[in-house]
Amino acid sequence: MRLRTTVGTGLGAVALALALAAPAAAATGTFSYLYESHMGPQIGVLEDPPSRECLTLPEAADPIDQPPAHTPRNRTDATAAVFSGPDCTGAHFSMRPFTGYGTERLKVRSVVFS
């Protein structure tokens, strides 16, 4: 009886360890964009961003006090959906993996990766 309990406990511990060691889903690569600051145009970068999680761009988060970011470049291995509002609200545009880009006319405040 003790052998079965010990084996069962050991297998449960191994299963738990494997579940905790699994990597979180993330897009691999770089997503970049331009934003305005008091020092002029700056480049914002997201490296290996998480997938299926809305990311509001900190430099363009406040629609009242900050202009939106623009000229996004998707160099990740995932499709990026960019949004005109914070928290993935407003109009959106899908950008292909690796080669997706937008001009300065594409105004963004948040993004989510598939």
C-alpha atoms as a PDB file:
ATOM      1  CA  MET A   1       0.000   0.000   0.000  1.00  0.00           C
ATOM      2  CA  ARG A   2       2.822   2.409   0.826  1.00  0.00           C
ATOM      3  CA  LEU A   3       4.530   1.682  -2.498  1.00  0.00           C
ATOM      4  CA  ARG A   4       1.451   2.738  -4.472  1.00  0.00           C
ATOM      5  CA  THR A   5       1.104   5.912  -2.403  1.00  0.00           C
ATOM      6  CA  THR A   6       4.790   6.744  -2.850  1.00  0.00           C
ATOM      7  CA  VAL A   7       4.704   6.090  -6.611  1.00  0.00           C
ATOM      8  CA  GLY A   8       1.494   8.116  -6.968  1.00  0.00           C
ATOM      9  CA  THR A   9       2.969  11.014  -5.016  1.00  0.00           C
ATOM     10  CA  GLY A  10       6.170  10.873  -7.064  1.00  0.00           C
ATOM     11  CA  LEU A  11       4.279  10.894 -10.369  1.00  0.00           C
ATOM     12  CA  GLY A  12       2.143  13.795  -9.179  1.00  0.00           C
ATOM     13  CA  ALA A  13       5.256  15.772  -8.250  1.00  0.00           C
ATOM     14  CA  VAL A  14       6.828  15.102 -11.670  1.00  0.00           C
ATOM     15  CA  ALA A  15       3.633  16.182 -13.461  1.00  0.00           C
ATOM     16  CA  LEU A  16       3.485  19.374 -11.396  1.00  0.00           C
ATOM     17  CA  ALA A  17       7.138  20.171 -12.088  1.00  0.00           C
ATOM     18  CA  LEU A  18       6.645  19.689 -15.827  1.00  0.00           C
ATOM     19  CA  ALA A  19       3.561  21.912 -15.835  1.00  0.00           C
ATOM     20  CA  LEU A  20       5.388  24.701 -14.012  1.00  0.00           C
ATOM     21  CA  ALA A  21       8.445  24.417 -16.265  1.00  0.00           C
ATOM     22  CA  ALA A  22       6.453  24.892 -19.475  1.00  0.00           C
ATOM     23  CA  PRO A  23       7.351  28.208 -21.115  1.00  0.00           C
ATOM     24  CA  ALA A  24       4.713  30.923 -21.393  1.00  0.00           C
ATOM     25  CA  ALA A  25       3.457  31.560 -24.904  1.00  0.00           C
ATOM     26  CA  ALA A  26       5.281  34.490 -26.425  1.00  0.00           C
ATOM     27  CA  ALA A  27       5.917  35.935 -29.822  1.00  0.00           C
ATOM     28  CA  THR A  28       9.586  35.709 -30.743  1.00  0.00           C
ATOM     29  CA  GLY A  29      11.191  38.798 -32.196  1.00  0.00           C
ATOM     30  CA  THR A  30      10.853  42.562 -32.026  1.00  0.00           C
ATOM     31  CA  PHE A  31       7.904  44.905 -32.400  1.00  0.00           C
ATOM     32  CA  SER A  32       8.897  48.553 -32.754  1.00  0.00           C
ATOM     33  CA  TYR A  33       7.088  51.865 -33.111  1.00  0.00           C
ATOM     34  CA  LEU A  34       7.798  55.588 -33.060  1.00  0.00           C
ATOM     35  CA  TYR A  35       6.442  57.954 -30.415  1.00  0.00           C
ATOM     36  CA  GLU A  36       6.863  61.639 -29.640  1.00  0.00           C
ATOM     37  CA  SER A  37       8.620  62.858 -26.520  1.00  0.00           C
ATOM     38  CA  HIS A  38       9.905  66.221 -25.323  1.00  0.00           C
ATOM     39  CA  MET A  39      13.220  65.247 -26.984  1.00  0.00           C
ATOM     40  CA  GLY A  40      11.590  64.576 -30.360  1.00  0.00           C
ATOM     41  CA  PRO A  41      10.760  61.268 -32.060  1.00  0.00           C
ATOM     42  CA  GLN A  42      11.838  58.160 -30.127  1.00  0.00           C
ATOM     43  CA  ILE A  43      11.762  54.423 -30.885  1.00  0.00           C
ATOM     44  CA  GLY A  44       9.796  52.099 -28.611  1.00  0.00           C
ATOM     45  CA  VAL A  45      10.535  48.375 -28.673  1.00  0.00           C
ATOM     46  CA  LEU A  46       8.785  45.248 -27.392  1.00  0.00           C
ATOM     47  CA  GLU A  47      11.142  42.230 -27.315  1.00  0.00           C
ATOM     48  CA  ASP A  48       9.574  38.764 -27.366  1.00  0.00           C
ATOM     49  CA  PRO A  49       6.165  40.089 -26.263  1.00  0.00           C
ATOM     50  CA  PRO A  50       3.624  37.776 -24.627  1.00  0.00           C
ATOM     51  CA  SER A  51       0.938  36.268 -26.856  1.00  0.00           C
ATOM     52  CA  ARG A  52      -2.812  36.768 -26.404  1.00  0.00           C
ATOM     53  CA  GLU A  53      -2.286  39.589 -23.914  1.00  0.00           C
ATOM     54  CA  CYS A  54      -3.217  43.184 -24.667  1.00  0.00           C
ATOM     55  CA  LEU A  55      -0.220  45.488 -24.292  1.00  0.00           C
ATOM     56  CA  THR A  56      -0.886  49.218 -24.010  1.00  0.00           C
ATOM     57  CA  LEU A  57       2.145  51.162 -25.236  1.00  0.00           C
ATOM     58  CA  PRO A  58       3.295  53.166 -22.199  1.00  0.00           C
ATOM     59  CA  GLU A  59       4.488  56.134 -24.277  1.00  0.00           C
ATOM     60  CA  ALA A  60       1.052  56.473 -25.914  1.00  0.00           C
ATOM     61  CA  ALA A  61      -1.280  55.219 -23.182  1.00  0.00           C
ATOM     62  CA  ASP A  62      -2.999  58.500 -22.284  1.00  0.00           C
ATOM     63  CA  PRO A  63      -5.236  59.751 -25.108  1.00  0.00           C
ATOM     64  CA  ILE A  64      -5.548  63.165 -23.423  1.00  0.00           C
ATOM     65  CA  ASP A  65      -1.888  64.014 -22.733  1.00  0.00           C
ATOM     66  CA  GLN A  66       0.082  61.812 -25.140  1.00  0.00           C
ATOM     67  CA  PRO A  67      -0.063  61.589 -28.929  1.00  0.00           C
ATOM     68  CA  PRO A  68      -0.486  58.067 -30.326  1.00  0.00           C
ATOM     69  CA  ALA A  69       2.520  56.078 -31.459  1.00  0.00           C
ATOM     70  CA  HIS A  70       2.939  55.482 -35.183  1.00  0.00           C
ATOM     71  CA  THR A  71       5.012  53.674 -37.817  1.00  0.00           C
ATOM     72  CA  PRO A  72       4.806  50.212 -36.205  1.00  0.00           C
ATOM     73  CA  ARG A  73       7.065  47.376 -37.431  1.00  0.00           C
ATOM     74  CA  ASN A  74       6.210  43.754 -36.648  1.00  0.00           C
ATOM     75  CA  ARG A  75       9.366  41.650 -36.749  1.00  0.00           C
ATOM     76  CA  THR A  76       7.929  38.899 -34.552  1.00  0.00           C
ATOM     77  CA  ASP A  77       6.810  35.431 -35.597  1.00  0.00           C
ATOM     78  CA  ALA A  78       3.176  36.231 -34.668  1.00  0.00           C
ATOM     79  CA  THR A  79       0.441  38.329 -36.212  1.00  0.00           C
ATOM     80  CA  ALA A  80       0.135  41.661 -34.397  1.00  0.00           C
ATOM     81  CA  ALA A  81      -3.208  43.433 -34.125  1.00  0.00           C
ATOM     82  CA  VAL A  82      -2.623  47.124 -33.390  1.00  0.00           C
ATOM     83  CA  PHE A  83      -5.372  49.297 -31.934  1.00  0.00           C
ATOM     84  CA  SER A  84      -6.044  53.026 -32.046  1.00  0.00           C
ATOM     85  CA  GLY A  85      -7.061  53.099 -28.368  1.00  0.00           C
ATOM     86  CA  PRO A  86      -5.499  51.901 -25.120  1.00  0.00           C
ATOM     87  CA  ASP A  87      -6.465  48.472 -23.764  1.00  0.00           C
ATOM     88  CA  CYS A  88      -7.006  47.119 -27.302  1.00  0.00           C
ATOM     89  CA  THR A  89      -9.978  49.339 -28.030  1.00  0.00           C
ATOM     90  CA  GLY A  90     -10.939  51.336 -31.095  1.00  0.00           C
ATOM     91  CA  ALA A  91     -10.087  50.682 -34.719  1.00  0.00           C
ATOM     92  CA  HIS A  92      -7.587  47.899 -35.336  1.00  0.00           C
ATOM     93  CA  PHE A  93      -5.249  46.726 -38.077  1.00  0.00           C
ATOM     94  CA  SER A  94      -3.571  43.322 -38.468  1.00  0.00           C
ATOM     95  CA  MET A  95       0.137  43.154 -39.229  1.00  0.00           C
ATOM     96  CA  ARG A  96       1.731  40.058 -40.728  1.00  0.00           C
ATOM     97  CA  PRO A  97       4.524  38.214 -38.933  1.00  0.00           C
ATOM     98  CA  PHE A  98       8.123  39.183 -39.814  1.00  0.00           C
ATOM     99  CA  THR A  99       7.273  41.784 -42.480  1.00  0.00           C
ATOM    100  CA  GLY A 100       4.281  43.760 -41.183  1.00  0.00           C
ATOM    101  CA  TYR A 101       4.695  47.511 -41.098  1.00  0.00           C
ATOM    102  CA  GLY A 102       2.674  50.690 -41.024  1.00  0.00           C
ATOM    103  CA  THR A 103       3.397  54.255 -42.026  1.00  0.00           C
ATOM    104  CA  GLU A 104       3.233  57.317 -39.815  1.00  0.00           C
ATOM    105  CA  ARG A 105      -0.470  57.525 -40.699  1.00  0.00           C
ATOM    106  CA  LEU A 106      -1.150  54.335 -38.688  1.00  0.00           C
ATOM    107  CA  LYS A 107      -1.747  55.629 -35.145  1.00  0.00           C
ATOM    108  CA  VAL A 108      -1.517  53.025 -32.357  1.00  0.00           C
ATOM    109  CA  ARG A 109      -1.883  52.900 -28.587  1.00  0.00           C
ATOM    110  CA  SER A 110      -2.016  49.150 -27.929  1.00  0.00           C
ATOM    111  CA  VAL A 111      -1.222  45.787 -29.513  1.00  0.00           C
ATOM    112  CA  VAL A 112      -1.980  42.095 -29.070  1.00  0.00           C
ATOM    113  CA  PHE A 113      -0.028  39.191 -30.609  1.00  0.00           C
ATOM    114  CA  SER A 114      -1.626  35.951 -31.772  1.00  0.00           C
END
